[in-house]
Amino acid sequence: MKKILLALVSTSILLIGADHIVDQKHKTFIPHTLDVKVGDTITFKNSDPFAHNAYTDDEINEFDIGMQKPGVDVTVKVKGAGKFNVECAIHPNMLLEVNAHK
């Protein structure tokens, strides 16, 4: 019974994926680069006292979280493998490089 339960727990962890935290502070993404797997999530935290807008126009992983107010967290899911950049529409010097693996 213990082996079956352990196998179910291990399989569930693989299916859920990991959550990666990206902070937006001092008009920068922290970290600046991120390695993820398909199925993982990325949570964008806004630790600045003003709004941000994280987006990518990557064909597979396209998202736009809209106007993100201070103190708000927004989560997106990684849909496909490849490299893509995330930018802030409000602060054009902000850049996050994401490398998504299968």
PDB file of N, CA and C in Angstrom:
ATOM      1  N   MET A   1       0.828  -1.201   0.000  1.00  0.00           N
ATOM      2  CA  MET A   1       0.000   0.000   0.000  1.00  0.00           C
ATOM      3  C   MET A   1       0.868   1.260   0.000  1.00  0.00           C
ATOM      4  N   LYS A   2       1.973   1.257   0.749  1.00  0.00           N
ATOM      5  CA  LYS A   2       2.844   2.426   0.810  1.00  0.00           C
ATOM      6  C   LYS A   2       3.466   2.717  -0.552  1.00  0.00           C
ATOM      7  N   LYS A   3       3.834   1.667  -1.299  1.00  0.00           N
ATOM      8  CA  LYS A   3       4.444   1.864  -2.611  1.00  0.00           C
ATOM      9  C   LYS A   3       3.447   2.482  -3.582  1.00  0.00           C
ATOM     10  N   ILE A   4       2.204   2.058  -3.532  1.00  0.00           N
ATOM     11  CA  ILE A   4       1.176   2.597  -4.421  1.00  0.00           C
ATOM     12  C   ILE A   4       0.930   4.061  -4.102  1.00  0.00           C
ATOM     13  N   LEU A   5       0.826   4.397  -2.826  1.00  0.00           N
ATOM     14  CA  LEU A   5       0.598   5.775  -2.413  1.00  0.00           C
ATOM     15  C   LEU A   5       1.759   6.665  -2.835  1.00  0.00           C
ATOM     16  N   LEU A   6       2.978   6.200  -2.662  1.00  0.00           N
ATOM     17  CA  LEU A   6       4.159   6.958  -3.064  1.00  0.00           C
ATOM     18  C   LEU A   6       4.160   7.179  -4.577  1.00  0.00           C
ATOM     19  N   ALA A   7       3.796   6.169  -5.333  1.00  0.00           N
ATOM     20  CA  ALA A   7       3.740   6.295  -6.790  1.00  0.00           C
ATOM     21  C   ALA A   7       2.688   7.324  -7.206  1.00  0.00           C
ATOM     22  N   LEU A   8       1.541   7.335  -6.539  1.00  0.00           N
ATOM     23  CA  LEU A   8       0.493   8.306  -6.846  1.00  0.00           C
ATOM     24  C   LEU A   8       0.935   9.720  -6.507  1.00  0.00           C
ATOM     25  N   VAL A   9       1.578   9.900  -5.387  1.00  0.00           N
ATOM     26  CA  VAL A   9       2.066  11.217  -4.993  1.00  0.00           C
ATOM     27  C   VAL A   9       3.129  11.702  -5.972  1.00  0.00           C
ATOM     28  N   SER A  10       4.059  10.842  -6.348  1.00  0.00           N
ATOM     29  CA  SER A  10       5.116  11.209  -7.294  1.00  0.00           C
ATOM     30  C   SER A  10       4.525  11.591  -8.649  1.00  0.00           C
ATOM     31  N   THR A  11       3.550  10.836  -9.129  1.00  0.00           N
ATOM     32  CA  THR A  11       2.910  11.134 -10.404  1.00  0.00           C
ATOM     33  C   THR A  11       2.167  12.453 -10.329  1.00  0.00           C
ATOM     34  N   SER A  12       1.492  12.725  -9.224  1.00  0.00           N
ATOM     35  CA  SER A  12       0.756  13.977  -9.068  1.00  0.00           C
ATOM     36  C   SER A  12       1.697  15.166  -9.097  1.00  0.00           C
ATOM     37  N   ILE A  13       2.836  15.060  -8.466  1.00  0.00           N
ATOM     38  CA  ILE A  13       3.805  16.151  -8.462  1.00  0.00           C
ATOM     39  C   ILE A  13       4.284  16.435  -9.881  1.00  0.00           C
ATOM     40  N   LEU A  14       4.520  15.406 -10.673  1.00  0.00           N
ATOM     41  CA  LEU A  14       4.967  15.592 -12.045  1.00  0.00           C
ATOM     42  C   LEU A  14       3.898  16.263 -12.899  1.00  0.00           C
ATOM     43  N   LEU A  15       2.637  15.951 -12.657  1.00  0.00           N
ATOM     44  CA  LEU A  15       1.550  16.509 -13.449  1.00  0.00           C
ATOM     45  C   LEU A  15       1.256  17.959 -13.094  1.00  0.00           C
ATOM     46  N   ILE A  16       1.485  18.333 -11.850  1.00  0.00           N
ATOM     47  CA  ILE A  16       1.162  19.682 -11.406  1.00  0.00           C
ATOM     48  C   ILE A  16       2.151  20.701 -11.956  1.00  0.00           C
ATOM     49  N   GLY A  17       3.422  20.387 -11.961  1.00  0.00           N
ATOM     50  CA  GLY A  17       4.433  21.336 -12.415  1.00  0.00           C
ATOM     51  C   GLY A  17       4.872  22.239 -11.284  1.00  0.00           C
ATOM     52  N   ALA A  18       5.896  22.996 -11.542  1.00  0.00           N
ATOM     53  CA  ALA A  18       6.461  23.894 -10.533  1.00  0.00           C
ATOM     54  C   ALA A  18       5.947  25.311 -10.752  1.00  0.00           C
ATOM     55  N   ASP A  19       5.948  26.093  -9.683  1.00  0.00           N
ATOM     56  CA  ASP A  19       5.600  27.506  -9.776  1.00  0.00           C
ATOM     57  C   ASP A  19       6.874  28.316  -9.596  1.00  0.00           C
ATOM     58  N   HIS A  20       7.151  29.200 -10.534  1.00  0.00           N
ATOM     59  CA  HIS A  20       8.334  30.051 -10.488  1.00  0.00           C
ATOM     60  C   HIS A  20       7.884  31.478 -10.176  1.00  0.00           C
ATOM     61  N   ILE A  21       8.526  32.104  -9.212  1.00  0.00           N
ATOM     62  CA  ILE A  21       8.171  33.457  -8.801  1.00  0.00           C
ATOM     63  C   ILE A  21       9.093  34.457  -9.507  1.00  0.00           C
ATOM     64  N   VAL A  22       8.489  35.440 -10.147  1.00  0.00           N
ATOM     65  CA  VAL A  22       9.231  36.543 -10.757  1.00  0.00           C
ATOM     66  C   VAL A  22       8.740  37.824 -10.089  1.00  0.00           C
ATOM     67  N   ASP A  23       9.641  38.507  -9.408  1.00  0.00           N
ATOM     68  CA  ASP A  23       9.291  39.758  -8.747  1.00  0.00           C
ATOM     69  C   ASP A  23       9.546  40.914  -9.706  1.00  0.00           C
ATOM     70  N   GLN A  24       8.714  41.919  -9.612  1.00  0.00           N
ATOM     71  CA  GLN A  24       8.905  43.152 -10.370  1.00  0.00           C
ATOM     72  C   GLN A  24       9.194  44.241  -9.343  1.00  0.00           C
ATOM     73  N   LYS A  25      10.455  44.637  -9.278  1.00  0.00           N
ATOM     74  CA  LYS A  25      10.881  45.592  -8.263  1.00  0.00           C
ATOM     75  C   LYS A  25      11.935  46.513  -8.854  1.00  0.00           C
ATOM     76  N   HIS A  26      11.845  47.802  -8.555  1.00  0.00           N
ATOM     77  CA  HIS A  26      12.778  48.806  -9.075  1.00  0.00           C
ATOM     78  C   HIS A  26      12.807  48.783 -10.605  1.00  0.00           C
ATOM     79  N   LYS A  27      11.638  48.603 -11.199  1.00  0.00           N
ATOM     80  CA  LYS A  27      11.470  48.572 -12.659  1.00  0.00           C
ATOM     81  C   LYS A  27      12.342  47.507 -13.327  1.00  0.00           C
ATOM     82  N   THR A  28      12.412  46.326 -12.700  1.00  0.00           N
ATOM     83  CA  THR A  28      13.152  45.202 -13.285  1.00  0.00           C
ATOM     84  C   THR A  28      12.474  43.888 -12.905  1.00  0.00           C
ATOM     85  N   PHE A  29      12.665  42.880 -13.743  1.00  0.00           N
ATOM     86  CA  PHE A  29      12.212  41.526 -13.412  1.00  0.00           C
ATOM     87  C   PHE A  29      13.325  40.850 -12.625  1.00  0.00           C
ATOM     88  N   ILE A  30      12.970  40.208 -11.535  1.00  0.00           N
ATOM     89  CA  ILE A  30      13.928  39.471 -10.707  1.00  0.00           C
ATOM     90  C   ILE A  30      13.406  38.049 -10.545  1.00  0.00           C
ATOM     91  N   PRO A  31      14.080  37.050 -11.108  1.00  0.00           N
ATOM     92  CA  PRO A  31      15.361  37.093 -11.814  1.00  0.00           C
ATOM     93  C   PRO A  31      15.184  37.626 -13.236  1.00  0.00           C
ATOM     94  N   HIS A  32      16.318  37.842 -13.925  1.00  0.00           N
ATOM     95  CA  HIS A  32      16.302  38.339 -15.303  1.00  0.00           C
ATOM     96  C   HIS A  32      16.166  37.213 -16.315  1.00  0.00           C
ATOM     97  N   THR A  33      16.531  35.993 -15.898  1.00  0.00           N
ATOM     98  CA  THR A  33      16.397  34.807 -16.756  1.00  0.00           C
ATOM     99  C   THR A  33      15.726  33.711 -15.944  1.00  0.00           C
ATOM    100  N   LEU A  34      15.015  32.842 -16.644  1.00  0.00           N
ATOM    101  CA  LEU A  34      14.253  31.800 -15.968  1.00  0.00           C
ATOM    102  C   LEU A  34      14.232  30.537 -16.820  1.00  0.00           C
ATOM    103  N   ASP A  35      14.585  29.393 -16.222  1.00  0.00           N
ATOM    104  CA  ASP A  35      14.462  28.088 -16.875  1.00  0.00           C
ATOM    105  C   ASP A  35      13.243  27.382 -16.294  1.00  0.00           C
ATOM    106  N   VAL A  36      12.328  26.977 -17.162  1.00  0.00           N
ATOM    107  CA  VAL A  36      11.080  26.347 -16.742  1.00  0.00           C
ATOM    108  C   VAL A  36      10.821  25.110 -17.591  1.00  0.00           C
ATOM    109  N   LYS A  37       9.817  24.347 -17.201  1.00  0.00           N
ATOM    110  CA  LYS A  37       9.355  23.211 -17.992  1.00  0.00           C
ATOM    111  C   LYS A  37       7.930  23.492 -18.462  1.00  0.00           C
ATOM    112  N   VAL A  38       7.574  22.899 -19.587  1.00  0.00           N
ATOM    113  CA  VAL A  38       6.206  23.006 -20.078  1.00  0.00           C
ATOM    114  C   VAL A  38       5.272  22.483 -18.989  1.00  0.00           C
ATOM    115  N   GLY A  39       4.222  23.229 -18.682  1.00  0.00           N
ATOM    116  CA  GLY A  39       3.289  22.868 -17.622  1.00  0.00           C
ATOM    117  C   GLY A  39       3.553  23.606 -16.329  1.00  0.00           C
ATOM    118  N   ASP A  40       4.741  24.181 -16.171  1.00  0.00           N
ATOM    119  CA  ASP A  40       5.037  24.998 -14.994  1.00  0.00           C
ATOM    120  C   ASP A  40       4.239  26.299 -15.066  1.00  0.00           C
ATOM    121  N   THR A  41       4.168  26.985 -13.947  1.00  0.00           N
ATOM    122  CA  THR A  41       3.543  28.299 -13.916  1.00  0.00           C
ATOM    123  C   THR A  41       4.576  29.340 -13.521  1.00  0.00           C
ATOM    124  N   ILE A  42       4.325  30.559 -13.940  1.00  0.00           N
ATOM    125  CA  ILE A  42       5.138  31.705 -13.555  1.00  0.00           C
ATOM    126  C   ILE A  42       4.208  32.690 -12.861  1.00  0.00           C
ATOM    127  N   THR A  43       4.547  33.027 -11.620  1.00  0.00           N
ATOM    128  CA  THR A  43       3.767  34.006 -10.870  1.00  0.00           C
ATOM    129  C   THR A  43       4.528  35.320 -10.857  1.00  0.00           C
ATOM    130  N   PHE A  44       3.892  36.351 -11.390  1.00  0.00           N
ATOM    131  CA  PHE A  44       4.473  37.687 -11.414  1.00  0.00           C
ATOM    132  C   PHE A  44       3.973  38.452 -10.189  1.00  0.00           C
ATOM    133  N   LYS A  45       4.910  38.879  -9.340  1.00  0.00           N
ATOM    134  CA  LYS A  45       4.607  39.677  -8.158  1.00  0.00           C
ATOM    135  C   LYS A  45       4.967  41.121  -8.465  1.00  0.00           C
ATOM    136  N   ASN A  46       4.141  42.047  -8.053  1.00  0.00           N
ATOM    137  CA  ASN A  46       4.454  43.460  -8.233  1.00  0.00           C
ATOM    138  C   ASN A  46       4.809  44.057  -6.875  1.00  0.00           C
ATOM    139  N   SER A  47       6.111  44.214  -6.620  1.00  0.00           N
ATOM    140  CA  SER A  47       6.588  44.779  -5.358  1.00  0.00           C
ATOM    141  C   SER A  47       6.892  46.272  -5.471  1.00  0.00           C
ATOM    142  N   ASP A  48       6.627  46.861  -6.625  1.00  0.00           N
ATOM    143  CA  ASP A  48       6.827  48.300  -6.792  1.00  0.00           C
ATOM    144  C   ASP A  48       5.569  49.055  -6.345  1.00  0.00           C
ATOM    145  N   PRO A  49       5.705  50.349  -6.070  1.00  0.00           N
ATOM    146  CA  PRO A  49       4.536  51.144  -5.654  1.00  0.00           C
ATOM    147  C   PRO A  49       3.722  51.678  -6.840  1.00  0.00           C
ATOM    148  N   PHE A  50       3.944  51.118  -8.033  1.00  0.00           N
ATOM    149  CA  PHE A  50       3.231  51.550  -9.233  1.00  0.00           C
ATOM    150  C   PHE A  50       2.928  50.320 -10.094  1.00  0.00           C
ATOM    151  N   ALA A  51       2.109  50.491 -11.100  1.00  0.00           N
ATOM    152  CA  ALA A  51       1.639  49.381 -11.937  1.00  0.00           C
ATOM    153  C   ALA A  51       2.710  48.881 -12.908  1.00  0.00           C
ATOM    154  N   HIS A  52       2.558  47.613 -13.290  1.00  0.00           N
ATOM    155  CA  HIS A  52       3.364  46.978 -14.322  1.00  0.00           C
ATOM    156  C   HIS A  52       2.432  46.252 -15.290  1.00  0.00           C
ATOM    157  N   ASN A  53       3.003  45.754 -16.388  1.00  0.00           N
ATOM    158  CA  ASN A  53       2.249  44.966 -17.361  1.00  0.00           C
ATOM    159  C   ASN A  53       3.198  43.968 -18.007  1.00  0.00           C
ATOM    160  N   ALA A  54       3.157  42.717 -17.581  1.00  0.00           N
ATOM    161  CA  ALA A  54       4.016  41.681 -18.163  1.00  0.00           C
ATOM    162  C   ALA A  54       3.278  41.033 -19.330  1.00  0.00           C
ATOM    163  N   TYR A  55       4.005  40.886 -20.441  1.00  0.00           N
ATOM    164  CA  TYR A  55       3.397  40.258 -21.623  1.00  0.00           C
ATOM    165  C   TYR A  55       4.482  39.623 -22.480  1.00  0.00           C
ATOM    166  N   THR A  56       4.070  38.693 -23.316  1.00  0.00           N
ATOM    167  CA  THR A  56       4.923  38.165 -24.383  1.00  0.00           C
ATOM    168  C   THR A  56       4.049  37.943 -25.602  1.00  0.00           C
ATOM    169  N   ASP A  57       4.640  38.160 -26.758  1.00  0.00           N
ATOM    170  CA  ASP A  57       3.914  37.870 -27.995  1.00  0.00           C
ATOM    171  C   ASP A  57       4.433  36.596 -28.643  1.00  0.00           C
ATOM    172  N   ASP A  58       5.109  35.756 -27.823  1.00  0.00           N
ATOM    173  CA  ASP A  58       5.570  34.454 -28.308  1.00  0.00           C
ATOM    174  C   ASP A  58       4.377  33.668 -28.839  1.00  0.00           C
ATOM    175  N   GLU A  59       4.541  33.060 -29.995  1.00  0.00           N
ATOM    176  CA  GLU A  59       3.439  32.368 -30.661  1.00  0.00           C
ATOM    177  C   GLU A  59       2.803  31.275 -29.795  1.00  0.00           C
ATOM    178  N   ILE A  60       3.615  30.511 -29.071  1.00  0.00           N
ATOM    179  CA  ILE A  60       3.109  29.391 -28.269  1.00  0.00           C
ATOM    180  C   ILE A  60       2.672  29.832 -26.875  1.00  0.00           C
ATOM    181  N   ASN A  61       3.447  30.701 -26.245  1.00  0.00           N
ATOM    182  CA  ASN A  61       3.208  31.065 -24.844  1.00  0.00           C
ATOM    183  C   ASN A  61       2.626  32.462 -24.668  1.00  0.00           C
ATOM    184  N   GLU A  62       1.959  32.976 -25.669  1.00  0.00           N
ATOM    185  CA  GLU A  62       1.461  34.351 -25.636  1.00  0.00           C
ATOM    186  C   GLU A  62       0.575  34.610 -24.417  1.00  0.00           C
ATOM    187  N   PHE A  63       0.846  35.726 -23.728  1.00  0.00           N
ATOM    188  CA  PHE A  63      -0.017  36.188 -22.639  1.00  0.00           C
ATOM    189  C   PHE A  63       0.189  37.684 -22.443  1.00  0.00           C
ATOM    190  N   ASP A  64      -0.778  38.308 -21.813  1.00  0.00           N
ATOM    191  CA  ASP A  64      -0.712  39.716 -21.418  1.00  0.00           C
ATOM    192  C   ASP A  64      -1.510  39.815 -20.125  1.00  0.00           C
ATOM    193  N   ILE A  65      -0.830  40.109 -19.021  1.00  0.00           N
ATOM    194  CA  ILE A  65      -1.523  40.100 -17.721  1.00  0.00           C
ATOM    195  C   ILE A  65      -2.280  41.399 -17.460  1.00  0.00           C
ATOM    196  N   GLY A  66      -2.209  42.346 -18.378  1.00  0.00           N
ATOM    197  CA  GLY A  66      -2.926  43.601 -18.216  1.00  0.00           C
ATOM    198  C   GLY A  66      -2.263  44.486 -17.176  1.00  0.00           C
ATOM    199  N   MET A  67      -2.993  45.485 -16.710  1.00  0.00           N
ATOM    200  CA  MET A  67      -2.480  46.430 -15.730  1.00  0.00           C
ATOM    201  C   MET A  67      -2.413  45.752 -14.364  1.00  0.00           C
ATOM    202  N   GLN A  68      -1.199  45.506 -13.886  1.00  0.00           N
ATOM    203  CA  GLN A  68      -0.992  44.815 -12.612  1.00  0.00           C
ATOM    204  C   GLN A  68      -0.681  45.847 -11.529  1.00  0.00           C
ATOM    205  N   LYS A  69      -1.611  45.995 -10.595  1.00  0.00           N
ATOM    206  CA  LYS A  69      -1.463  46.975  -9.515  1.00  0.00           C
ATOM    207  C   LYS A  69      -0.422  46.521  -8.494  1.00  0.00           C
ATOM    208  N   PRO A  70       0.120  47.446  -7.728  1.00  0.00           N
ATOM    209  CA  PRO A  70       1.076  47.091  -6.675  1.00  0.00           C
ATOM    210  C   PRO A  70       0.482  46.075  -5.690  1.00  0.00           C
ATOM    211  N   GLY A  71       1.307  45.111  -5.282  1.00  0.00           N
ATOM    212  CA  GLY A  71       0.879  44.104  -4.317  1.00  0.00           C
ATOM    213  C   GLY A  71       0.065  42.961  -4.892  1.00  0.00           C
ATOM    214  N   VAL A  72      -0.192  42.991  -6.185  1.00  0.00           N
ATOM    215  CA  VAL A  72      -1.012  41.956  -6.832  1.00  0.00           C
ATOM    216  C   VAL A  72      -0.105  40.916  -7.479  1.00  0.00           C
ATOM    217  N   ASP A  73      -0.476  39.635  -7.367  1.00  0.00           N
ATOM    218  CA  ASP A  73       0.220  38.537  -8.023  1.00  0.00           C
ATOM    219  C   ASP A  73      -0.647  38.018  -9.166  1.00  0.00           C
ATOM    220  N   VAL A  74      -0.020  37.715 -10.296  1.00  0.00           N
ATOM    221  CA  VAL A  74      -0.723  37.148 -11.452  1.00  0.00           C
ATOM    222  C   VAL A  74       0.074  35.940 -11.934  1.00  0.00           C
ATOM    223  N   THR A  75      -0.619  34.821 -12.189  1.00  0.00           N
ATOM    224  CA  THR A  75       0.036  33.581 -12.592  1.00  0.00           C
ATOM    225  C   THR A  75      -0.352  33.208 -14.016  1.00  0.00           C
ATOM    226  N   VAL A  76       0.662  32.778 -14.790  1.00  0.00           N
ATOM    227  CA  VAL A  76       0.440  32.284 -16.154  1.00  0.00           C
ATOM    228  C   VAL A  76       1.051  30.892 -16.263  1.00  0.00           C
ATOM    229  N   LYS A  77       0.554  30.103 -17.207  1.00  0.00           N
ATOM    230  CA  LYS A  77       1.055  28.743 -17.404  1.00  0.00           C
ATOM    231  C   LYS A  77       1.919  28.674 -18.658  1.00  0.00           C
ATOM    232  N   VAL A  78       3.026  27.929 -18.575  1.00  0.00           N
ATOM    233  CA  VAL A  78       3.915  27.723 -19.716  1.00  0.00           C
ATOM    234  C   VAL A  78       3.299  26.624 -20.576  1.00  0.00           C
ATOM    235  N   LYS A  79       2.979  26.957 -21.827  1.00  0.00           N
ATOM    236  CA  LYS A  79       2.242  26.044 -22.705  1.00  0.00           C
ATOM    237  C   LYS A  79       3.116  25.245 -23.654  1.00  0.00           C
ATOM    238  N   GLY A  80       4.299  25.764 -23.994  1.00  0.00           N
ATOM    239  CA  GLY A  80       5.125  25.074 -24.970  1.00  0.00           C
ATOM    240  C   GLY A  80       6.601  25.361 -24.781  1.00  0.00           C
ATOM    241  N   ALA A  81       7.436  24.511 -25.391  1.00  0.00           N
ATOM    242  CA  ALA A  81       8.893  24.638 -25.274  1.00  0.00           C
ATOM    243  C   ALA A  81       9.416  25.741 -26.192  1.00  0.00           C
ATOM    244  N   GLY A  82      10.545  26.295 -25.777  1.00  0.00           N
ATOM    245  CA  GLY A  82      11.214  27.315 -26.575  1.00  0.00           C
ATOM    246  C   GLY A  82      11.648  28.484 -25.714  1.00  0.00           C
ATOM    247  N   LYS A  83      12.388  29.385 -26.341  1.00  0.00           N
ATOM    248  CA  LYS A  83      12.837  30.595 -25.651  1.00  0.00           C
ATOM    249  C   LYS A  83      11.918  31.747 -26.019  1.00  0.00           C
ATOM    250  N   PHE A  84      11.579  32.563 -25.017  1.00  0.00           N
ATOM    251  CA  PHE A  84      10.782  33.752 -25.295  1.00  0.00           C
ATOM    252  C   PHE A  84      11.099  34.843 -24.279  1.00  0.00           C
ATOM    253  N   ASN A  85      10.816  36.078 -24.671  1.00  0.00           N
ATOM    254  CA  ASN A  85      11.046  37.228 -23.808  1.00  0.00           C
ATOM    255  C   ASN A  85       9.729  37.724 -23.238  1.00  0.00           C
ATOM    256  N   VAL A  86       9.792  38.200 -21.993  1.00  0.00           N
ATOM    257  CA  VAL A  86       8.659  38.852 -21.346  1.00  0.00           C
ATOM    258  C   VAL A  86       9.074  40.300 -21.130  1.00  0.00           C
ATOM    259  N   GLU A  87       8.169  41.215 -21.461  1.00  0.00           N
ATOM    260  CA  GLU A  87       8.436  42.635 -21.321  1.00  0.00           C
ATOM    261  C   GLU A  87       7.325  43.301 -20.525  1.00  0.00           C
ATOM    262  N   CYS A  88       7.564  44.543 -20.133  1.00  0.00           N
ATOM    263  CA  CYS A  88       6.558  45.363 -19.469  1.00  0.00           C
ATOM    264  C   CYS A  88       6.162  46.467 -20.437  1.00  0.00           C
ATOM    265  N   ALA A  89       4.881  46.571 -20.766  1.00  0.00           N
ATOM    266  CA  ALA A  89       4.416  47.582 -21.711  1.00  0.00           C
ATOM    267  C   ALA A  89       4.566  48.995 -21.147  1.00  0.00           C
ATOM    268  N   ILE A  90       4.627  49.109 -19.833  1.00  0.00           N
ATOM    269  CA  ILE A  90       4.734  50.418 -19.191  1.00  0.00           C
ATOM    270  C   ILE A  90       6.197  50.860 -19.072  1.00  0.00           C
ATOM    271  N   HIS A  91       7.077  49.905 -18.796  1.00  0.00           N
ATOM    272  CA  HIS A  91       8.506  50.184 -18.602  1.00  0.00           C
ATOM    273  C   HIS A  91       9.297  49.377 -19.632  1.00  0.00           C
ATOM    274  N   PRO A  92       9.584  49.951 -20.788  1.00  0.00           N
ATOM    275  CA  PRO A  92      10.177  49.203 -21.908  1.00  0.00           C
ATOM    276  C   PRO A  92      11.580  48.648 -21.651  1.00  0.00           C
ATOM    277  N   ASN A  93      12.260  49.096 -20.617  1.00  0.00           N
ATOM    278  CA  ASN A  93      13.592  48.548 -20.321  1.00  0.00           C
ATOM    279  C   ASN A  93      13.542  47.251 -19.518  1.00  0.00           C
ATOM    280  N   MET A  94      12.358  46.863 -19.057  1.00  0.00           N
ATOM    281  CA  MET A  94      12.218  45.619 -18.299  1.00  0.00           C
ATOM    282  C   MET A  94      12.209  44.442 -19.269  1.00  0.00           C
ATOM    283  N   LEU A  95      13.048  43.421 -18.996  1.00  0.00           N
ATOM    284  CA  LEU A  95      13.116  42.249 -19.871  1.00  0.00           C
ATOM    285  C   LEU A  95      13.393  40.999 -19.046  1.00  0.00           C
ATOM    286  N   LEU A  96      12.611  39.957 -19.293  1.00  0.00           N
ATOM    287  CA  LEU A  96      12.797  38.640 -18.696  1.00  0.00           C
ATOM    288  C   LEU A  96      12.969  37.641 -19.830  1.00  0.00           C
ATOM    289  N   GLU A  97      14.048  36.860 -19.795  1.00  0.00           N
ATOM    290  CA  GLU A  97      14.280  35.821 -20.785  1.00  0.00           C
ATOM    291  C   GLU A  97      13.858  34.483 -20.187  1.00  0.00           C
ATOM    292  N   VAL A  98      12.948  33.787 -20.849  1.00  0.00           N
ATOM    293  CA  VAL A  98      12.437  32.508 -20.381  1.00  0.00           C
ATOM    294  C   VAL A  98      12.872  31.417 -21.346  1.00  0.00           C
ATOM    295  N   ASN A  99      13.392  30.317 -20.792  1.00  0.00           N
ATOM    296  CA  ASN A  99      13.771  29.152 -21.586  1.00  0.00           C
ATOM    297  C   ASN A  99      12.915  27.985 -21.100  1.00  0.00           C
ATOM    298  N   ALA A 100      11.958  27.571 -21.924  1.00  0.00           N
ATOM    299  CA  ALA A 100      11.019  26.510 -21.554  1.00  0.00           C
ATOM    300  C   ALA A 100      11.438  25.184 -22.197  1.00  0.00           C
ATOM    301  N   HIS A 101      11.553  24.140 -21.370  1.00  0.00           N
ATOM    302  CA  HIS A 101      11.950  22.811 -21.822  1.00  0.00           C
ATOM    303  C   HIS A 101      10.763  21.858 -21.716  1.00  0.00           C
ATOM    304  N   LYS A 102      10.806  20.787 -22.519  1.00  0.00           N
ATOM    305  CA  LYS A 102       9.783  19.737 -22.420  1.00  0.00           C
ATOM    306  C   LYS A 102      10.049  18.893 -21.206  1.00  0.00           C
TER     307      LYS A 102
END
